[in-house]
Amino acid sequence: MAKGHVSNIIRRLRFEHSEMTQKELAEKAGVTRQTIVAIEAAKYAPSLELAFMVSLVFGQPLEEVFSYQPEEGRNA
C-alpha cells in the first residue's frame, strides 16, 4: 500500500481559539505536548481516534482539520 502525506491546520486553529497552547490542546485531547508538536509538524500521522478528538476540541469536521495527499503517481 502506498504511503501518502497527512497534513493539518492545527497551528492555525490553535491561534484562532484564543492562542491555545500545544500543552492545552494536548490536555484536551488526552495526549502529550510532544505528540501535538509531531502532528502539527506533519512528522506523525495521528490515529483516527486522536484525529477525531483534535477535531472535536476545535468543533470542526475531521476533513477540515486534516487532509490526506496520496504519494505522487499513486491512486488513493
PDB file of N, CA and C in Angstrom:
ATOM      1  N   MET A   1       0.844  -1.182   0.000  1.00  0.00           N
ATOM      2  CA  MET A   1       0.000   0.000   0.000  1.00  0.00           C
ATOM      3  C   MET A   1       0.889   1.244   0.000  1.00  0.00           C
ATOM      4  N   ALA A   2       0.588   2.172  -0.868  1.00  0.00           N
ATOM      5  CA  ALA A   2       1.383   3.385  -0.999  1.00  0.00           C
ATOM      6  C   ALA A   2       1.173   4.306   0.202  1.00  0.00           C
ATOM      7  N   LYS A   3       2.259   4.943   0.593  1.00  0.00           N
ATOM      8  CA  LYS A   3       2.158   5.920   1.664  1.00  0.00           C
ATOM      9  C   LYS A   3       1.801   7.277   1.087  1.00  0.00           C
ATOM     10  N   GLY A   4       1.207   8.077   1.892  1.00  0.00           N
ATOM     11  CA  GLY A   4       0.862   9.431   1.492  1.00  0.00           C
ATOM     12  C   GLY A   4       1.275  10.394   2.587  1.00  0.00           C
ATOM     13  N   HIS A   5       0.718  11.561   2.545  1.00  0.00           N
ATOM     14  CA  HIS A   5       1.076  12.614   3.494  1.00  0.00           C
ATOM     15  C   HIS A   5      -0.194  13.160   4.143  1.00  0.00           C
ATOM     16  N   VAL A   6      -0.222  13.158   5.466  1.00  0.00           N
ATOM     17  CA  VAL A   6      -1.334  13.735   6.220  1.00  0.00           C
ATOM     18  C   VAL A   6      -0.918  15.136   6.649  1.00  0.00           C
ATOM     19  N   SER A   7      -1.693  16.129   6.259  1.00  0.00           N
ATOM     20  CA  SER A   7      -1.417  17.499   6.683  1.00  0.00           C
ATOM     21  C   SER A   7      -2.576  17.990   7.554  1.00  0.00           C
ATOM     22  N   ASN A   8      -2.358  19.117   8.213  1.00  0.00           N
ATOM     23  CA  ASN A   8      -3.373  19.630   9.125  1.00  0.00           C
ATOM     24  C   ASN A   8      -3.268  21.140   9.259  1.00  0.00           C
ATOM     25  N   ILE A   9      -4.302  21.717   9.869  1.00  0.00           N
ATOM     26  CA  ILE A   9      -4.317  23.162  10.131  1.00  0.00           C
ATOM     27  C   ILE A   9      -4.391  23.426  11.637  1.00  0.00           C
ATOM     28  N   ILE A  10      -3.804  22.533  12.409  1.00  0.00           N
ATOM     29  CA  ILE A  10      -3.876  22.643  13.872  1.00  0.00           C
ATOM     30  C   ILE A  10      -3.279  23.949  14.370  1.00  0.00           C
ATOM     31  N   ARG A  11      -2.119  24.315  13.863  1.00  0.00           N
ATOM     32  CA  ARG A  11      -1.484  25.560  14.338  1.00  0.00           C
ATOM     33  C   ARG A  11      -2.421  26.746  14.148  1.00  0.00           C
ATOM     34  N   ARG A  12      -3.001  26.871  12.957  1.00  0.00           N
ATOM     35  CA  ARG A  12      -3.922  27.977  12.692  1.00  0.00           C
ATOM     36  C   ARG A  12      -5.120  27.931  13.633  1.00  0.00           C
ATOM     37  N   LEU A  13      -5.687  26.736  13.814  1.00  0.00           N
ATOM     38  CA  LEU A  13      -6.853  26.609  14.688  1.00  0.00           C
ATOM     39  C   LEU A  13      -6.521  26.965  16.132  1.00  0.00           C
ATOM     40  N   ARG A  14      -5.331  26.592  16.593  1.00  0.00           N
ATOM     41  CA  ARG A  14      -4.946  26.952  17.972  1.00  0.00           C
ATOM     42  C   ARG A  14      -4.946  28.464  18.143  1.00  0.00           C
ATOM     43  N   PHE A  15      -4.402  29.174  17.165  1.00  0.00           N
ATOM     44  CA  PHE A  15      -4.344  30.625  17.282  1.00  0.00           C
ATOM     45  C   PHE A  15      -5.712  31.271  17.123  1.00  0.00           C
ATOM     46  N   GLU A  16      -6.579  30.651  16.362  1.00  0.00           N
ATOM     47  CA  GLU A  16      -7.945  31.159  16.225  1.00  0.00           C
ATOM     48  C   GLU A  16      -8.784  30.877  17.469  1.00  0.00           C
ATOM     49  N   HIS A  17      -8.327  29.984  18.304  1.00  0.00           N
ATOM     50  CA  HIS A  17      -9.023  29.643  19.550  1.00  0.00           C
ATOM     51  C   HIS A  17      -8.246  30.199  20.741  1.00  0.00           C
ATOM     52  N   SER A  18      -8.209  31.508  20.808  1.00  0.00           N
ATOM     53  CA  SER A  18      -7.582  32.234  21.922  1.00  0.00           C
ATOM     54  C   SER A  18      -6.113  31.872  22.120  1.00  0.00           C
ATOM     55  N   GLU A  19      -5.416  31.643  21.000  1.00  0.00           N
ATOM     56  CA  GLU A  19      -3.998  31.293  21.042  1.00  0.00           C
ATOM     57  C   GLU A  19      -3.734  30.122  21.992  1.00  0.00           C
ATOM     58  N   MET A  20      -4.546  29.085  21.847  1.00  0.00           N
ATOM     59  CA  MET A  20      -4.402  27.870  22.645  1.00  0.00           C
ATOM     60  C   MET A  20      -2.978  27.332  22.500  1.00  0.00           C
ATOM     61  N   THR A  21      -2.384  26.939  23.598  1.00  0.00           N
ATOM     62  CA  THR A  21      -1.040  26.374  23.539  1.00  0.00           C
ATOM     63  C   THR A  21      -1.091  24.909  23.130  1.00  0.00           C
ATOM     64  N   GLN A  22       0.048  24.400  22.719  1.00  0.00           N
ATOM     65  CA  GLN A  22       0.137  22.981  22.386  1.00  0.00           C
ATOM     66  C   GLN A  22      -0.164  22.143  23.624  1.00  0.00           C
ATOM     67  N   LYS A  23       0.277  22.616  24.774  1.00  0.00           N
ATOM     68  CA  LYS A  23       0.025  21.891  26.024  1.00  0.00           C
ATOM     69  C   LYS A  23      -1.473  21.840  26.323  1.00  0.00           C
ATOM     70  N   GLU A  24      -2.182  22.954  26.144  1.00  0.00           N
ATOM     71  CA  GLU A  24      -3.628  22.984  26.389  1.00  0.00           C
ATOM     72  C   GLU A  24      -4.360  22.024  25.450  1.00  0.00           C
ATOM     73  N   LEU A  25      -3.968  22.032  24.171  1.00  0.00           N
ATOM     74  CA  LEU A  25      -4.592  21.119  23.222  1.00  0.00           C
ATOM     75  C   LEU A  25      -4.301  19.671  23.602  1.00  0.00           C
ATOM     76  N   ALA A  26      -3.073  19.402  23.982  1.00  0.00           N
ATOM     77  CA  ALA A  26      -2.690  18.047  24.377  1.00  0.00           C
ATOM     78  C   ALA A  26      -3.532  17.562  25.552  1.00  0.00           C
ATOM     79  N   GLU A  27      -3.729  18.417  26.544  1.00  0.00           N
ATOM     80  CA  GLU A  27      -4.531  18.042  27.706  1.00  0.00           C
ATOM     81  C   GLU A  27      -5.982  17.755  27.308  1.00  0.00           C
ATOM     82  N   LYS A  28      -6.523  18.574  26.424  1.00  0.00           N
ATOM     83  CA  LYS A  28      -7.913  18.378  25.991  1.00  0.00           C
ATOM     84  C   LYS A  28      -8.073  17.117  25.145  1.00  0.00           C
ATOM     85  N   ALA A  29      -7.028  16.759  24.395  1.00  0.00           N
ATOM     86  CA  ALA A  29      -7.089  15.581  23.528  1.00  0.00           C
ATOM     87  C   ALA A  29      -6.593  14.318  24.229  1.00  0.00           C
ATOM     88  N   GLY A  30      -6.014  14.469  25.423  1.00  0.00           N
ATOM     89  CA  GLY A  30      -5.552  13.316  26.188  1.00  0.00           C
ATOM     90  C   GLY A  30      -4.241  12.721  25.715  1.00  0.00           C
ATOM     91  N   VAL A  31      -3.352  13.587  25.185  1.00  0.00           N
ATOM     92  CA  VAL A  31      -2.036  13.133  24.740  1.00  0.00           C
ATOM     93  C   VAL A  31      -0.964  14.059  25.304  1.00  0.00           C
ATOM     94  N   THR A  32       0.296  13.786  24.973  1.00  0.00           N
ATOM     95  CA  THR A  32       1.376  14.649  25.436  1.00  0.00           C
ATOM     96  C   THR A  32       1.558  15.830  24.488  1.00  0.00           C
ATOM     97  N   ARG A  33       2.212  16.868  24.986  1.00  0.00           N
ATOM     98  CA  ARG A  33       2.517  18.030  24.146  1.00  0.00           C
ATOM     99  C   ARG A  33       3.404  17.609  22.980  1.00  0.00           C
ATOM    100  N   GLN A  34       4.324  16.677  23.216  1.00  0.00           N
ATOM    101  CA  GLN A  34       5.225  16.216  22.162  1.00  0.00           C
ATOM    102  C   GLN A  34       4.447  15.571  21.014  1.00  0.00           C
ATOM    103  N   THR A  35       3.352  14.892  21.346  1.00  0.00           N
ATOM    104  CA  THR A  35       2.519  14.293  20.303  1.00  0.00           C
ATOM    105  C   THR A  35       1.898  15.382  19.443  1.00  0.00           C
ATOM    106  N   ILE A  36       1.404  16.436  20.061  1.00  0.00           N
ATOM    107  CA  ILE A  36       0.813  17.551  19.315  1.00  0.00           C
ATOM    108  C   ILE A  36       1.875  18.223  18.454  1.00  0.00           C
ATOM    109  N   VAL A  37       3.069  18.410  18.994  1.00  0.00           N
ATOM    110  CA  VAL A  37       4.173  19.004  18.231  1.00  0.00           C
ATOM    111  C   VAL A  37       4.432  18.187  16.970  1.00  0.00           C
ATOM    112  N   ALA A  38       4.521  16.873  17.113  1.00  0.00           N
ATOM    113  CA  ALA A  38       4.820  15.991  15.981  1.00  0.00           C
ATOM    114  C   ALA A  38       3.692  15.991  14.951  1.00  0.00           C
ATOM    115  N   ILE A  39       2.446  15.997  15.413  1.00  0.00           N
ATOM    116  CA  ILE A  39       1.307  16.018  14.484  1.00  0.00           C
ATOM    117  C   ILE A  39       1.277  17.350  13.737  1.00  0.00           C
ATOM    118  N   GLU A  40       1.444  18.436  14.472  1.00  0.00           N
ATOM    119  CA  GLU A  40       1.409  19.771  13.872  1.00  0.00           C
ATOM    120  C   GLU A  40       2.483  19.929  12.802  1.00  0.00           C
ATOM    121  N   ALA A  41       3.648  19.344  13.035  1.00  0.00           N
ATOM    122  CA  ALA A  41       4.770  19.430  12.095  1.00  0.00           C
ATOM    123  C   ALA A  41       4.675  18.382  10.989  1.00  0.00           C
ATOM    124  N   ALA A  42       3.600  17.595  10.975  1.00  0.00           N
ATOM    125  CA  ALA A  42       3.385  16.526   9.989  1.00  0.00           C
ATOM    126  C   ALA A  42       4.494  15.482  10.026  1.00  0.00           C
ATOM    127  N   LYS A  43       5.071  15.268  11.208  1.00  0.00           N
ATOM    128  CA  LYS A  43       6.073  14.222  11.381  1.00  0.00           C
ATOM    129  C   LYS A  43       5.434  12.938  11.888  1.00  0.00           C
ATOM    130  N   TYR A  44       4.178  13.039  12.284  1.00  0.00           N
ATOM    131  CA  TYR A  44       3.445  11.905  12.831  1.00  0.00           C
ATOM    132  C   TYR A  44       1.993  12.028  12.404  1.00  0.00           C
ATOM    133  N   ALA A  45       1.435  10.957  11.860  1.00  0.00           N
ATOM    134  CA  ALA A  45       0.018  10.932  11.494  1.00  0.00           C
ATOM    135  C   ALA A  45      -0.759  10.362  12.679  1.00  0.00           C
ATOM    136  N   PRO A  46      -1.729  11.091  13.187  1.00  0.00           N
ATOM    137  CA  PRO A  46      -2.461  10.618  14.361  1.00  0.00           C
ATOM    138  C   PRO A  46      -3.347   9.417  14.033  1.00  0.00           C
ATOM    139  N   SER A  47      -3.674   8.672  15.071  1.00  0.00           N
ATOM    140  CA  SER A  47      -4.667   7.609  14.905  1.00  0.00           C
ATOM    141  C   SER A  47      -5.994   8.269  14.536  1.00  0.00           C
ATOM    142  N   LEU A  48      -6.889   7.496  14.009  1.00  0.00           N
ATOM    143  CA  LEU A  48      -8.203   8.027  13.656  1.00  0.00           C
ATOM    144  C   LEU A  48      -8.901   8.580  14.895  1.00  0.00           C
ATOM    145  N   GLU A  49      -8.801   7.859  16.000  1.00  0.00           N
ATOM    146  CA  GLU A  49      -9.422   8.313  17.247  1.00  0.00           C
ATOM    147  C   GLU A  49      -8.857   9.660  17.689  1.00  0.00           C
ATOM    148  N   LEU A  50      -7.537   9.815  17.646  1.00  0.00           N
ATOM    149  CA  LEU A  50      -6.922  11.076  18.053  1.00  0.00           C
ATOM    150  C   LEU A  50      -7.287  12.197  17.086  1.00  0.00           C
ATOM    151  N   ALA A  51      -7.331  11.895  15.801  1.00  0.00           N
ATOM    152  CA  ALA A  51      -7.723  12.910  14.827  1.00  0.00           C
ATOM    153  C   ALA A  51      -9.138  13.418  15.123  1.00  0.00           C
ATOM    154  N   PHE A  52     -10.050  12.502  15.463  1.00  0.00           N
ATOM    155  CA  PHE A  52     -11.406  12.913  15.830  1.00  0.00           C
ATOM    156  C   PHE A  52     -11.392  13.749  17.111  1.00  0.00           C
ATOM    157  N   MET A  53     -10.593  13.359  18.084  1.00  0.00           N
ATOM    158  CA  MET A  53     -10.528  14.115  19.342  1.00  0.00           C
ATOM    159  C   MET A  53     -10.057  15.548  19.096  1.00  0.00           C
ATOM    160  N   VAL A  54      -9.007  15.705  18.298  1.00  0.00           N
ATOM    161  CA  VAL A  54      -8.491  17.042  17.990  1.00  0.00           C
ATOM    162  C   VAL A  54      -9.559  17.853  17.260  1.00  0.00           C
ATOM    163  N   SER A  55     -10.223  17.239  16.311  1.00  0.00           N
ATOM    164  CA  SER A  55     -11.285  17.925  15.571  1.00  0.00           C
ATOM    165  C   SER A  55     -12.413  18.373  16.499  1.00  0.00           C
ATOM    166  N   LEU A  56     -12.775  17.511  17.442  1.00  0.00           N
ATOM    167  CA  LEU A  56     -13.829  17.852  18.404  1.00  0.00           C
ATOM    168  C   LEU A  56     -13.432  19.015  19.304  1.00  0.00           C
ATOM    169  N   VAL A  57     -12.166  19.067  19.704  1.00  0.00           N
ATOM    170  CA  VAL A  57     -11.689  20.180  20.542  1.00  0.00           C
ATOM    171  C   VAL A  57     -11.963  21.509  19.839  1.00  0.00           C
ATOM    172  N   PHE A  58     -11.745  21.532  18.528  1.00  0.00           N
ATOM    173  CA  PHE A  58     -11.937  22.766  17.767  1.00  0.00           C
ATOM    174  C   PHE A  58     -13.346  22.925  17.207  1.00  0.00           C
ATOM    175  N   GLY A  59     -14.197  21.912  17.392  1.00  0.00           N
ATOM    176  CA  GLY A  59     -15.552  21.992  16.878  1.00  0.00           C
ATOM    177  C   GLY A  59     -15.602  22.014  15.359  1.00  0.00           C
ATOM    178  N   GLN A  60     -14.662  21.322  14.734  1.00  0.00           N
ATOM    179  CA  GLN A  60     -14.565  21.292  13.278  1.00  0.00           C
ATOM    180  C   GLN A  60     -14.711  19.859  12.776  1.00  0.00           C
ATOM    181  N   PRO A  61     -15.233  19.679  11.557  1.00  0.00           N
ATOM    182  CA  PRO A  61     -15.272  18.338  10.972  1.00  0.00           C
ATOM    183  C   PRO A  61     -13.847  17.838  10.728  1.00  0.00           C
ATOM    184  N   LEU A  62     -13.661  16.555  10.814  1.00  0.00           N
ATOM    185  CA  LEU A  62     -12.353  15.931  10.629  1.00  0.00           C
ATOM    186  C   LEU A  62     -11.683  16.407   9.342  1.00  0.00           C
ATOM    187  N   GLU A  63     -12.438  16.442   8.244  1.00  0.00           N
ATOM    188  CA  GLU A  63     -11.849  16.796   6.956  1.00  0.00           C
ATOM    189  C   GLU A  63     -11.469  18.272   6.846  1.00  0.00           C
ATOM    190  N   GLU A  64     -11.912  19.095   7.785  1.00  0.00           N
ATOM    191  CA  GLU A  64     -11.480  20.496   7.816  1.00  0.00           C
ATOM    192  C   GLU A  64     -10.137  20.637   8.521  1.00  0.00           C
ATOM    193  N   VAL A  65      -9.875  19.755   9.477  1.00  0.00           N
ATOM    194  CA  VAL A  65      -8.646  19.828  10.274  1.00  0.00           C
ATOM    195  C   VAL A  65      -7.513  19.052   9.605  1.00  0.00           C
ATOM    196  N   PHE A  66      -7.835  17.885   9.070  1.00  0.00           N
ATOM    197  CA  PHE A  66      -6.821  17.010   8.477  1.00  0.00           C
ATOM    198  C   PHE A  66      -7.127  16.772   7.009  1.00  0.00           C
ATOM    199  N   SER A  67      -6.067  16.615   6.221  1.00  0.00           N
ATOM    200  CA  SER A  67      -6.231  16.238   4.821  1.00  0.00           C
ATOM    201  C   SER A  67      -5.157  15.212   4.470  1.00  0.00           C
ATOM    202  N   TYR A  68      -5.463  14.413   3.457  1.00  0.00           N
ATOM    203  CA  TYR A  68      -4.553  13.348   3.032  1.00  0.00           C
ATOM    204  C   TYR A  68      -4.188  13.546   1.573  1.00  0.00           C
ATOM    205  N   GLN A  69      -2.897  13.519   1.305  1.00  0.00           N
ATOM    206  CA  GLN A  69      -2.408  13.627  -0.068  1.00  0.00           C
ATOM    207  C   GLN A  69      -1.682  12.332  -0.406  1.00  0.00           C
ATOM    208  N   PRO A  70      -2.208  11.554  -1.363  1.00  0.00           N
ATOM    209  CA  PRO A  70      -1.529  10.311  -1.739  1.00  0.00           C
ATOM    210  C   PRO A  70      -0.161  10.605  -2.342  1.00  0.00           C
ATOM    211  N   GLU A  71       0.709   9.612  -2.265  1.00  0.00           N
ATOM    212  CA  GLU A  71       2.033   9.732  -2.856  1.00  0.00           C
ATOM    213  C   GLU A  71       1.892   9.968  -4.353  1.00  0.00           C
ATOM    214  N   GLU A  72       2.770  10.785  -4.929  1.00  0.00           N
ATOM    215  CA  GLU A  72       2.732  11.084  -6.366  1.00  0.00           C
ATOM    216  C   GLU A  72       2.755   9.798  -7.190  1.00  0.00           C
ATOM    217  N   GLY A  73       1.938   9.780  -8.219  1.00  0.00           N
ATOM    218  CA  GLY A  73       1.924   8.649  -9.118  1.00  0.00           C
ATOM    219  C   GLY A  73       1.102   7.456  -8.640  1.00  0.00           C
ATOM    220  N   ARG A  74       0.455   7.597  -7.496  1.00  0.00           N
ATOM    221  CA  ARG A  74      -0.362   6.501  -6.941  1.00  0.00           C
ATOM    222  C   ARG A  74      -1.802   6.965  -6.819  1.00  0.00           C
ATOM    223  N   ASN A  75      -2.715   6.048  -6.969  1.00  0.00           N
ATOM    224  CA  ASN A  75      -4.126   6.352  -6.740  1.00  0.00           C
ATOM    225  C   ASN A  75      -4.461   6.054  -5.296  1.00  0.00           C
ATOM    226  N   ALA A  76      -5.347   6.847  -4.730  1.00  0.00           N
ATOM    227  CA  ALA A  76      -5.756   6.633  -3.323  1.00  0.00           C
ATOM    228  C   ALA A  76      -6.672   5.464  -3.216  1.00  0.00           C
TER     229      ALA A  76
END
